[in-house]
N, C-alpha and C. Protein backbone atom coordinates (compact mmCIF):
# COMPACT_ATOMS: atom_id res chain seq x y z
N MET A 1 81.06 108.70 125.36
CA MET A 1 80.10 107.72 124.91
C MET A 1 79.18 107.41 125.59
N ASP A 2 78.02 106.81 124.91
CA ASP A 2 76.87 106.24 125.97
C ASP A 2 77.32 104.95 126.46
N ARG A 3 76.41 104.73 127.18
CA ARG A 3 76.80 103.37 128.14
C ARG A 3 76.26 102.20 127.33
N LEU A 4 75.45 102.39 126.15
CA LEU A 4 75.50 101.61 125.38
C LEU A 4 76.11 101.01 124.50
N THR A 5 76.85 101.89 123.61
CA THR A 5 77.69 102.16 122.72
C THR A 5 79.26 101.05 123.56
N GLN A 6 79.15 101.98 124.99
CA GLN A 6 80.31 101.33 125.49
C GLN A 6 80.09 99.76 126.24
N SER A 7 79.03 99.49 126.17
CA SER A 7 78.98 98.29 126.24
C SER A 7 78.94 97.30 124.92
N TYR A 8 78.69 97.68 124.14
CA TYR A 8 79.24 97.07 122.90
C TYR A 8 80.62 96.55 122.61
N PHE A 9 81.48 97.68 122.79
CA PHE A 9 82.98 97.54 123.14
C PHE A 9 83.50 96.43 123.72
N GLU A 10 82.85 96.42 125.22
CA GLU A 10 82.82 95.51 126.19
C GLU A 10 82.46 94.19 125.41
N ASN A 11 81.17 93.96 125.19
CA ASN A 11 81.16 92.91 124.78
C ASN A 11 81.59 92.28 123.26
N LEU A 12 82.51 92.63 122.54
CA LEU A 12 83.88 92.17 121.89
C LEU A 12 84.10 91.07 122.54
N GLU A 13 84.56 91.76 123.87
CA GLU A 13 85.29 90.53 124.05
C GLU A 13 84.85 89.85 125.33
N ALA A 14 83.66 89.45 125.08
CA ALA A 14 82.51 88.38 125.62
C ALA A 14 83.27 87.03 125.04
N GLU A 15 82.76 86.17 126.38
CA GLU A 15 82.73 84.62 126.02
C GLU A 15 82.08 84.05 124.86
N ASP A 16 80.79 84.77 124.68
CA ASP A 16 79.98 84.43 124.19
C ASP A 16 80.12 84.97 122.61
N LYS A 17 80.05 83.98 121.73
CA LYS A 17 80.08 84.51 120.68
C LYS A 17 79.10 85.07 119.55
N ASP A 18 77.80 84.91 120.44
CA ASP A 18 76.90 85.77 119.45
C ASP A 18 76.60 87.16 119.89
N LEU A 19 77.05 87.37 121.20
CA LEU A 19 77.02 88.12 121.82
C LEU A 19 78.23 89.15 121.11
N GLN A 20 79.46 88.55 121.08
CA GLN A 20 80.58 89.20 120.38
C GLN A 20 79.82 89.41 118.90
N PHE A 21 79.31 88.77 117.98
CA PHE A 21 78.84 89.27 116.79
C PHE A 21 77.75 90.31 117.14
N GLU A 22 76.95 90.22 118.02
CA GLU A 22 75.92 91.35 118.02
C GLU A 22 76.37 92.79 118.24
N ALA A 23 77.55 92.94 118.86
CA ALA A 23 78.33 93.80 119.48
C ALA A 23 79.00 94.32 118.37
N PHE A 24 79.59 93.62 117.15
CA PHE A 24 80.42 93.64 116.06
C PHE A 24 79.13 94.45 115.25
N GLY A 25 78.37 93.61 114.86
CA GLY A 25 77.37 94.51 113.93
C GLY A 25 76.79 95.89 114.98
N ASN A 26 76.36 96.21 115.76
CA ASN A 26 75.86 97.22 116.28
C ASN A 26 77.01 98.33 116.27
N ILE A 27 78.38 98.27 116.34
CA ILE A 27 79.08 99.03 116.15
C ILE A 27 79.20 99.89 114.88
N LYS A 28 79.29 98.75 113.64
CA LYS A 28 79.18 98.71 112.64
C LYS A 28 78.22 99.67 112.13
N ALA A 29 76.84 99.54 112.54
CA ALA A 29 75.38 100.11 112.45
C ALA A 29 75.92 101.74 113.03
N ALA A 30 76.29 101.79 114.28
CA ALA A 30 76.55 102.87 114.71
C ALA A 30 77.50 104.18 113.89
N THR A 31 78.27 103.15 113.15
CA THR A 31 79.68 104.12 112.62
C THR A 31 79.38 104.10 111.11
N ASN A 32 78.08 104.26 110.76
CA ASN A 32 77.76 104.49 109.10
C ASN A 32 77.31 106.06 109.50
N GLU A 33 77.36 106.56 110.30
CA GLU A 33 76.92 108.02 110.27
C GLU A 33 78.66 108.48 111.19
N LYS A 34 78.33 109.55 111.46
CA LYS A 34 79.52 110.43 111.58
C LYS A 34 78.81 110.22 113.54
N VAL A 35 80.16 109.79 114.47
CA VAL A 35 79.89 109.80 115.85
C VAL A 35 80.65 110.74 116.49
N ASP A 36 80.73 111.14 117.69
CA ASP A 36 80.98 111.81 118.65
C ASP A 36 82.13 111.09 119.41
N TRP A 37 81.99 109.83 119.57
CA TRP A 37 83.18 109.34 120.40
C TRP A 37 84.32 108.39 119.78
N ALA A 38 84.84 109.00 118.58
CA ALA A 38 85.82 108.07 117.80
C ALA A 38 87.26 108.31 118.50
N TYR A 39 87.27 109.47 118.95
CA TYR A 39 88.75 109.50 120.04
C TYR A 39 88.72 108.77 121.20
N GLU A 40 87.35 108.35 121.43
CA GLU A 40 87.64 107.43 122.88
C GLU A 40 88.08 106.06 122.74
N VAL A 41 87.81 105.74 121.65
CA VAL A 41 88.53 104.17 121.12
C VAL A 41 89.67 104.16 120.36
N TRP A 42 89.67 105.64 119.86
CA TRP A 42 90.83 105.47 118.56
C TRP A 42 92.27 104.68 118.59
N ASP A 43 92.60 105.27 119.73
CA ASP A 43 94.09 104.96 120.35
C ASP A 43 94.10 103.18 120.45
N GLN A 44 93.01 102.63 121.33
CA GLN A 44 92.75 101.29 121.35
C GLN A 44 92.87 100.32 120.30
N LEU A 45 91.99 100.95 119.32
CA LEU A 45 91.60 100.28 118.09
C LEU A 45 93.02 100.17 117.31
N LYS A 46 93.65 101.46 117.40
CA LYS A 46 94.95 101.58 116.61
C LYS A 46 96.03 100.62 117.42
N GLY A 47 95.80 100.26 118.62
CA GLY A 47 96.88 99.45 119.02
C GLY A 47 96.35 98.05 118.85
N TRP A 48 94.95 97.89 118.66
CA TRP A 48 94.71 96.08 118.03
C TRP A 48 95.17 95.82 116.33
N LEU A 49 95.21 97.26 116.26
CA LEU A 49 95.77 96.88 114.68
C LEU A 49 97.08 95.73 114.37
N THR A 50 97.95 95.61 115.40
CA THR A 50 98.86 94.76 115.84
C THR A 50 98.92 93.56 116.88
N ASP A 51 97.73 93.60 117.49
CA ASP A 51 97.44 92.45 118.32
C ASP A 51 97.72 91.19 117.62
N ARG A 52 97.71 90.05 118.48
CA ARG A 52 98.55 89.04 118.25
C ARG A 52 96.93 87.89 117.98
N ASP A 53 95.98 88.52 118.30
CA ASP A 53 94.73 87.99 117.96
C ASP A 53 93.96 88.84 116.63
N ASN A 54 94.08 87.64 115.86
CA ASN A 54 93.28 88.00 114.47
C ASN A 54 91.95 88.77 114.35
N HIS A 55 91.44 88.15 115.28
CA HIS A 55 89.98 89.19 115.12
C HIS A 55 89.69 90.70 115.68
N ARG A 56 90.64 90.29 116.92
CA ARG A 56 90.93 92.11 117.31
C ARG A 56 91.74 93.07 115.93
N ARG A 57 92.65 92.27 115.11
CA ARG A 57 93.18 93.04 114.25
C ARG A 57 91.84 93.28 112.91
N SER A 58 91.44 92.24 113.11
CA SER A 58 90.13 92.67 111.88
C SER A 58 89.05 93.51 112.05
N ARG A 59 88.60 93.45 113.56
CA ARG A 59 87.96 94.30 114.10
C ARG A 59 88.39 95.77 114.19
N ALA A 60 89.32 95.91 114.62
CA ALA A 60 90.13 97.58 114.40
C ALA A 60 90.28 98.01 113.04
N ALA A 61 90.86 97.48 112.28
CA ALA A 61 90.96 97.97 110.51
C ALA A 61 89.51 98.14 110.18
N GLN A 62 88.47 97.58 110.33
CA GLN A 62 87.31 97.75 109.87
C GLN A 62 86.49 98.89 110.71
N PHE A 63 86.76 99.05 111.92
CA PHE A 63 86.27 99.82 112.61
C PHE A 63 86.62 101.28 112.41
N LEU A 64 88.36 101.26 112.28
CA LEU A 64 88.85 102.46 112.17
C LEU A 64 88.44 102.88 111.06
N SER A 65 88.31 102.07 109.68
CA SER A 65 87.73 102.57 108.74
C SER A 65 86.76 103.51 108.44
N ARG A 66 85.48 102.79 109.65
CA ARG A 66 84.52 103.50 109.31
C ARG A 66 84.47 104.88 110.22
N LEU A 67 85.25 104.71 111.24
CA LEU A 67 85.17 106.07 111.82
C LEU A 67 86.25 107.34 111.57
N ALA A 68 86.94 107.05 109.87
CA ALA A 68 87.36 108.05 109.35
C ALA A 68 86.94 109.24 109.01
N ILE A 69 85.38 108.83 109.14
CA ILE A 69 84.52 110.43 108.78
C ILE A 69 84.29 110.86 110.03
N SER A 70 84.84 110.09 111.28
CA SER A 70 84.17 111.14 112.59
C SER A 70 85.59 111.69 112.81
N ASP A 71 86.35 111.94 112.02
CA ASP A 71 88.05 112.18 112.60
C ASP A 71 88.34 113.60 111.68
N PRO A 72 87.66 114.71 113.15
CA PRO A 72 87.77 116.25 112.33
C PRO A 72 89.54 116.59 112.39
N GLU A 73 90.04 115.51 113.32
CA GLU A 73 91.35 115.90 113.36
C GLU A 73 92.62 115.77 112.38
N LYS A 74 91.90 114.51 111.53
CA LYS A 74 92.44 114.04 110.34
C LYS A 74 93.50 112.94 111.14
N ARG A 75 93.66 112.34 112.19
CA ARG A 75 94.51 111.57 112.41
C ARG A 75 94.63 110.19 111.15
N MET A 76 93.88 109.87 110.69
CA MET A 76 93.84 108.81 109.69
C MET A 76 95.00 109.00 108.85
N LEU A 77 95.65 110.38 108.63
CA LEU A 77 96.43 110.62 107.42
C LEU A 77 97.50 110.34 108.05
N ASN A 78 97.92 110.13 109.24
CA ASN A 78 99.07 109.49 110.06
C ASN A 78 98.75 108.23 110.41
N ASP A 79 97.63 107.67 110.31
CA ASP A 79 98.02 105.96 111.06
C ASP A 79 97.11 105.40 110.05
N PHE A 80 96.65 105.67 108.57
CA PHE A 80 96.44 105.08 107.56
C PHE A 80 97.92 103.67 107.18
N SER A 81 98.85 104.19 107.07
CA SER A 81 99.81 102.91 107.07
C SER A 81 99.67 101.93 108.29
N ALA A 82 99.45 102.15 109.28
CA ALA A 82 99.50 101.25 109.99
C ALA A 82 98.01 100.29 109.65
N LEU A 83 96.82 100.90 109.33
CA LEU A 83 95.52 100.38 108.81
C LEU A 83 96.09 99.44 107.75
N TRP A 84 96.54 100.20 106.96
CA TRP A 84 96.85 99.27 105.31
C TRP A 84 97.68 97.95 105.72
N GLU A 85 98.37 98.02 106.80
CA GLU A 85 99.44 96.65 106.94
C GLU A 85 98.16 95.92 107.17
N VAL A 86 97.42 95.98 107.72
CA VAL A 86 96.27 94.58 108.08
C VAL A 86 95.53 94.34 107.10
N THR A 87 95.67 94.96 105.79
CA THR A 87 95.15 94.39 104.38
C THR A 87 96.33 93.53 104.08
N LYS A 88 97.11 93.09 104.54
CA LYS A 88 98.09 92.34 104.10
C LYS A 88 98.70 91.33 104.84
N ASP A 89 97.46 91.15 106.18
CA ASP A 89 97.79 90.32 107.36
C ASP A 89 97.94 89.05 106.98
N PRO A 90 99.34 88.20 107.62
CA PRO A 90 99.25 86.21 107.29
C PRO A 90 98.04 85.59 107.27
N LYS A 91 96.94 86.22 108.22
CA LYS A 91 95.90 85.64 108.19
C LYS A 91 94.85 86.05 107.03
N PHE A 92 94.63 85.54 106.17
CA PHE A 92 93.91 85.83 104.80
C PHE A 92 92.44 86.65 105.04
N VAL A 93 91.94 86.00 105.66
CA VAL A 93 90.63 86.44 106.27
C VAL A 93 90.75 87.77 106.92
N THR A 94 91.61 87.84 107.97
CA THR A 94 91.65 89.31 108.72
C THR A 94 92.24 90.32 107.33
N ALA A 95 93.02 89.98 106.35
CA ALA A 95 93.46 90.75 105.47
C ALA A 95 92.50 90.99 104.68
N ARG A 96 91.43 90.41 104.59
CA ARG A 96 90.23 90.30 103.17
C ARG A 96 89.38 91.40 104.00
N HIS A 97 89.30 90.82 104.85
CA HIS A 97 88.06 91.82 105.62
C HIS A 97 88.35 93.55 105.92
N SER A 98 89.94 93.71 106.06
CA SER A 98 90.25 94.68 106.29
C SER A 98 90.22 95.34 104.86
N LEU A 99 90.73 94.93 104.04
CA LEU A 99 90.82 95.59 102.81
C LEU A 99 89.34 95.65 102.19
N GLN A 100 88.37 94.72 102.46
CA GLN A 100 87.10 95.54 102.09
C GLN A 100 86.48 96.68 102.44
N SER A 101 86.75 96.90 103.64
CA SER A 101 86.51 97.79 104.30
C SER A 101 87.40 99.17 104.18
N ILE A 102 88.25 99.20 103.48
CA ILE A 102 89.27 100.26 103.42
C ILE A 102 88.69 101.65 102.87
N TRP A 103 87.64 101.36 101.56
CA TRP A 103 87.31 102.38 101.06
C TRP A 103 86.67 103.64 101.89
N ARG A 104 86.11 103.17 102.96
CA ARG A 104 85.12 104.04 103.74
C ARG A 104 86.06 104.95 104.26
N VAL A 105 87.60 104.85 104.38
CA VAL A 105 88.47 105.97 104.81
C VAL A 105 88.29 106.84 103.77
N GLY A 106 88.00 106.58 102.59
CA GLY A 106 88.25 107.76 101.18
C GLY A 106 87.03 108.49 101.59
N LEU A 107 85.97 108.00 102.38
CA LEU A 107 84.49 109.16 102.67
C LEU A 107 84.85 110.37 103.36
N ALA A 108 86.16 110.34 104.15
CA ALA A 108 86.10 111.57 105.08
C ALA A 108 86.94 112.69 104.81
N GLY A 109 87.12 112.58 103.50
CA GLY A 109 87.43 113.99 102.67
C GLY A 109 88.65 113.89 101.43
N PRO A 110 88.96 114.99 100.76
CA PRO A 110 89.91 114.67 99.57
C PRO A 110 91.34 114.06 99.78
N GLU A 111 91.91 114.33 100.92
CA GLU A 111 92.99 113.75 101.40
C GLU A 111 92.93 112.50 101.37
N GLN A 112 92.14 111.91 102.05
CA GLN A 112 91.77 110.31 102.55
C GLN A 112 91.38 109.45 101.41
N LYS A 113 90.54 110.28 100.54
CA LYS A 113 89.87 109.75 99.01
C LYS A 113 91.29 109.49 98.50
N GLU A 114 92.21 110.31 98.16
CA GLU A 114 93.41 110.15 96.98
C GLU A 114 94.36 109.22 98.08
N MET A 115 94.59 109.17 99.34
CA MET A 115 95.58 108.24 100.13
C MET A 115 95.00 106.65 99.57
N VAL A 116 93.55 106.22 99.88
CA VAL A 116 93.03 105.41 99.74
C VAL A 116 93.03 104.95 98.24
N VAL A 117 92.40 105.67 97.45
CA VAL A 117 92.60 105.36 95.76
C VAL A 117 94.21 104.87 95.29
N ASN A 118 94.76 106.24 95.92
CA ASN A 118 96.16 105.39 95.31
C ASN A 118 96.66 104.21 95.87
N SER A 119 96.39 103.95 96.81
CA SER A 119 97.15 103.08 97.61
C SER A 119 96.55 101.51 97.02
N LEU A 120 95.16 101.79 96.73
CA LEU A 120 94.57 100.56 96.25
C LEU A 120 94.89 100.46 94.60
N VAL A 121 95.28 101.42 93.79
CA VAL A 121 95.54 101.58 92.62
C VAL A 121 97.32 100.92 92.40
N ASP A 122 98.19 101.36 93.52
CA ASP A 122 99.25 100.74 93.70
C ASP A 122 99.33 98.93 94.04
N ARG A 123 98.42 98.29 94.76
CA ARG A 123 98.46 97.39 95.03
C ARG A 123 97.61 96.13 93.78
N PHE A 124 96.81 97.05 93.17
CA PHE A 124 96.29 96.19 91.88
C PHE A 124 97.39 95.98 90.87
N ILE A 125 98.24 96.96 90.89
CA ILE A 125 99.36 97.06 89.46
C ILE A 125 100.45 96.61 90.38
N ASN A 126 100.67 95.75 91.51
CA ASN A 126 102.00 95.79 91.76
C ASN A 126 101.91 94.80 92.72
N GLY A 127 100.74 94.22 93.01
CA GLY A 127 100.48 92.81 94.22
C GLY A 127 100.04 91.87 93.48
N ASN A 128 100.64 91.66 92.23
CA ASN A 128 100.42 90.31 91.52
C ASN A 128 101.44 89.37 91.94
N GLU A 129 101.96 89.23 92.73
CA GLU A 129 103.04 88.16 93.21
C GLU A 129 102.54 87.99 95.00
N GLU A 130 100.99 88.75 94.75
CA GLU A 130 100.69 88.09 96.70
C GLU A 130 99.89 86.88 95.88
N LYS A 131 99.87 86.08 97.31
CA LYS A 131 98.91 84.86 97.48
C LYS A 131 97.48 85.60 97.08
N ASN A 132 96.60 84.81 96.54
CA ASN A 132 95.33 85.20 96.08
C ASN A 132 94.89 86.49 95.50
N TYR A 133 96.44 86.95 94.53
CA TYR A 133 96.13 88.23 94.21
C TYR A 133 94.82 88.64 93.22
N THR A 134 94.27 87.53 92.73
CA THR A 134 93.00 87.81 91.72
C THR A 134 92.12 88.19 92.66
N LEU A 135 91.60 87.67 94.07
CA LEU A 135 90.45 87.71 94.67
C LEU A 135 91.18 89.27 95.38
N ILE A 136 92.16 89.69 95.68
CA ILE A 136 92.52 91.13 96.24
C ILE A 136 92.16 91.88 95.18
N ARG A 137 92.82 91.75 93.87
CA ARG A 137 92.00 92.61 92.55
C ARG A 137 90.64 92.82 93.07
N PHE A 138 90.08 91.76 92.90
CA PHE A 138 88.36 91.81 93.14
C PHE A 138 88.30 92.75 94.04
N ASP A 139 88.76 92.58 95.24
CA ASP A 139 88.36 93.35 95.83
C ASP A 139 88.55 94.97 96.10
N ILE A 140 89.34 95.04 95.44
CA ILE A 140 90.24 96.28 94.91
C ILE A 140 89.46 96.86 93.89
N ILE A 141 88.61 96.57 93.17
CA ILE A 141 87.76 96.78 92.05
C ILE A 141 86.37 97.34 92.76
N GLN A 142 85.84 96.40 93.52
CA GLN A 142 84.54 96.33 94.49
C GLN A 142 84.99 97.83 95.23
N CYS A 143 86.26 97.83 96.13
CA CYS A 143 86.35 99.12 96.62
C CYS A 143 86.08 100.45 96.09
N LEU A 144 86.73 100.66 94.70
CA LEU A 144 86.75 101.87 94.12
C LEU A 144 84.94 102.29 93.85
N ARG A 145 84.45 100.69 93.07
CA ARG A 145 83.10 100.69 93.27
C ARG A 145 82.44 101.28 94.06
N ASN A 146 82.44 100.64 95.70
CA ASN A 146 81.63 100.96 96.52
C ASN A 146 81.87 102.83 96.97
N LEU A 147 83.12 102.93 96.85
CA LEU A 147 83.76 104.59 97.09
C LEU A 147 83.26 105.48 96.11
N HIS A 148 83.12 104.69 94.65
CA HIS A 148 82.28 106.11 93.87
C HIS A 148 80.78 105.80 93.69
N ASP A 149 80.27 105.08 94.25
CA ASP A 149 78.68 105.26 94.62
C ASP A 149 78.46 106.07 95.76
N GLU A 150 79.02 106.11 96.73
CA GLU A 150 79.18 107.05 97.56
C GLU A 150 78.95 108.63 97.24
N ILE A 151 80.55 108.68 97.07
CA ILE A 151 80.68 109.93 96.49
C ILE A 151 80.34 110.69 94.98
N LYS A 152 80.09 109.72 94.38
CA LYS A 152 79.72 110.07 92.95
C LYS A 152 80.58 110.70 92.66
N ASP A 153 82.31 110.09 92.23
CA ASP A 153 82.93 110.91 91.47
C ASP A 153 83.60 109.74 90.51
N GLU A 154 83.28 110.59 89.17
CA GLU A 154 83.38 109.93 87.75
C GLU A 154 84.96 109.41 87.91
N GLU A 155 85.96 110.22 88.31
CA GLU A 155 87.38 109.76 87.84
C GLU A 155 87.54 108.51 88.76
N ILE A 156 87.01 108.13 89.95
CA ILE A 156 87.26 107.15 90.45
C ILE A 156 86.81 105.72 89.60
N LYS A 157 85.75 105.91 88.89
CA LYS A 157 85.27 104.96 87.73
C LYS A 157 85.98 104.85 86.67
N GLN A 158 86.89 105.93 86.11
CA GLN A 158 87.89 105.87 84.82
C GLN A 158 89.05 105.43 85.62
N ILE A 159 89.39 105.24 86.79
CA ILE A 159 90.75 104.56 87.41
C ILE A 159 90.29 102.86 87.32
N ALA A 160 89.00 102.69 87.84
CA ALA A 160 88.71 101.17 88.19
C ALA A 160 88.82 100.70 86.83
N LEU A 161 87.87 101.31 86.05
CA LEU A 161 88.12 100.69 84.35
C LEU A 161 89.40 100.75 83.72
N GLU A 162 90.23 101.65 83.90
CA GLU A 162 91.73 101.55 83.35
C GLU A 162 92.67 100.01 84.11
N LEU A 163 92.26 99.96 85.30
CA LEU A 163 92.88 98.88 86.31
C LEU A 163 92.09 97.69 85.44
N ILE A 164 91.05 97.49 85.24
CA ILE A 164 90.61 96.34 84.46
C ILE A 164 91.29 96.14 83.07
N GLU A 165 91.43 97.16 82.34
CA GLU A 165 92.14 97.02 81.12
C GLU A 165 93.30 96.43 81.64
N LYS A 166 93.81 96.64 82.20
CA LYS A 166 95.32 96.31 82.43
C LYS A 166 95.37 94.33 82.94
N GLU A 167 94.00 93.93 83.27
CA GLU A 167 94.06 92.72 83.67
C GLU A 167 94.32 91.62 82.35
N GLU A 168 95.41 91.09 82.40
CA GLU A 168 95.80 89.93 81.06
C GLU A 168 94.85 89.08 80.67
N ASP A 169 94.42 88.33 82.01
CA ASP A 169 93.46 86.97 81.89
C ASP A 169 92.03 87.39 81.71
N PRO A 170 91.59 86.93 80.34
CA PRO A 170 90.33 87.38 79.95
C PRO A 170 89.10 86.86 80.99
N LYS A 171 89.09 85.60 81.74
CA LYS A 171 88.74 85.48 82.64
C LYS A 171 88.19 86.23 83.85
N TYR A 172 89.63 86.79 84.24
CA TYR A 172 89.38 87.65 85.15
C TYR A 172 89.04 89.08 85.17
N LYS A 173 89.34 89.69 83.70
CA LYS A 173 89.07 90.59 83.33
C LYS A 173 87.73 90.72 83.38
N LYS A 174 86.79 89.85 82.74
CA LYS A 174 85.16 89.89 82.87
C LYS A 174 84.68 90.10 83.90
N LYS A 175 85.71 88.97 85.23
CA LYS A 175 84.97 88.98 86.43
C LYS A 175 84.99 90.29 87.00
N TYR A 176 85.92 90.90 86.98
CA TYR A 176 86.18 92.47 87.65
C TYR A 176 85.27 93.56 86.74
N ALA A 177 85.04 93.29 85.20
CA ALA A 177 83.96 94.29 84.74
C ALA A 177 82.74 93.85 85.33
N THR A 178 82.39 92.74 85.77
CA THR A 178 80.70 92.71 86.30
C THR A 178 80.69 93.67 87.55
N VAL A 179 81.59 93.92 88.23
CA VAL A 179 81.36 94.93 89.25
C VAL A 179 80.99 96.47 88.85
N TRP A 180 81.24 96.94 87.44
CA TRP A 180 80.98 98.25 86.78
C TRP A 180 79.78 97.83 86.36
N LYS A 181 79.00 96.58 86.09
CA LYS A 181 77.75 96.63 85.27
C LYS A 181 77.13 97.60 85.67
N LYS A 182 76.01 98.39 84.90
CA LYS A 182 75.05 99.21 85.66
C LYS A 182 75.45 100.66 86.59
N ALA A 183 76.68 101.19 85.86
CA ALA A 183 77.30 102.18 86.70
C ALA A 183 77.30 103.23 85.81
């Protein structure tokens, strides 16, 4: 890992919140593409998934989701369940940020895509007892849209439209459908 990237990870722990925010943004920007340093931080991030600090849990989930494309060893296939748990974090903002980024795991390959899509579908169908489930469902539909837009898989679009049809409340059915307008 180059010194600059290393400094970003160090600055995530800085006292200065602006410095933390800048570091977070720079790491996200770097992980839009494949990086050669994923395994240098992988285990640390995996450990952060269960840290008592919700900011660490959220950052770890978002970064690991983004690093899945830089995972030729396919560690994510084993680590996904720990990552998925953060999408159900007791702190809703942490759960939501994690869920909103988890679709990126599906960019890593067919096995990862299937794992992500199956998890999202199951959560949409069986998560109606969760607090804020309508927001969670919206995020799931948005995740499917994001994944579809990146890999151009029409099957994902079909799955999302079928999930929307399962929504019984017309208000939410309409809201979820707006995600797929112009698709």
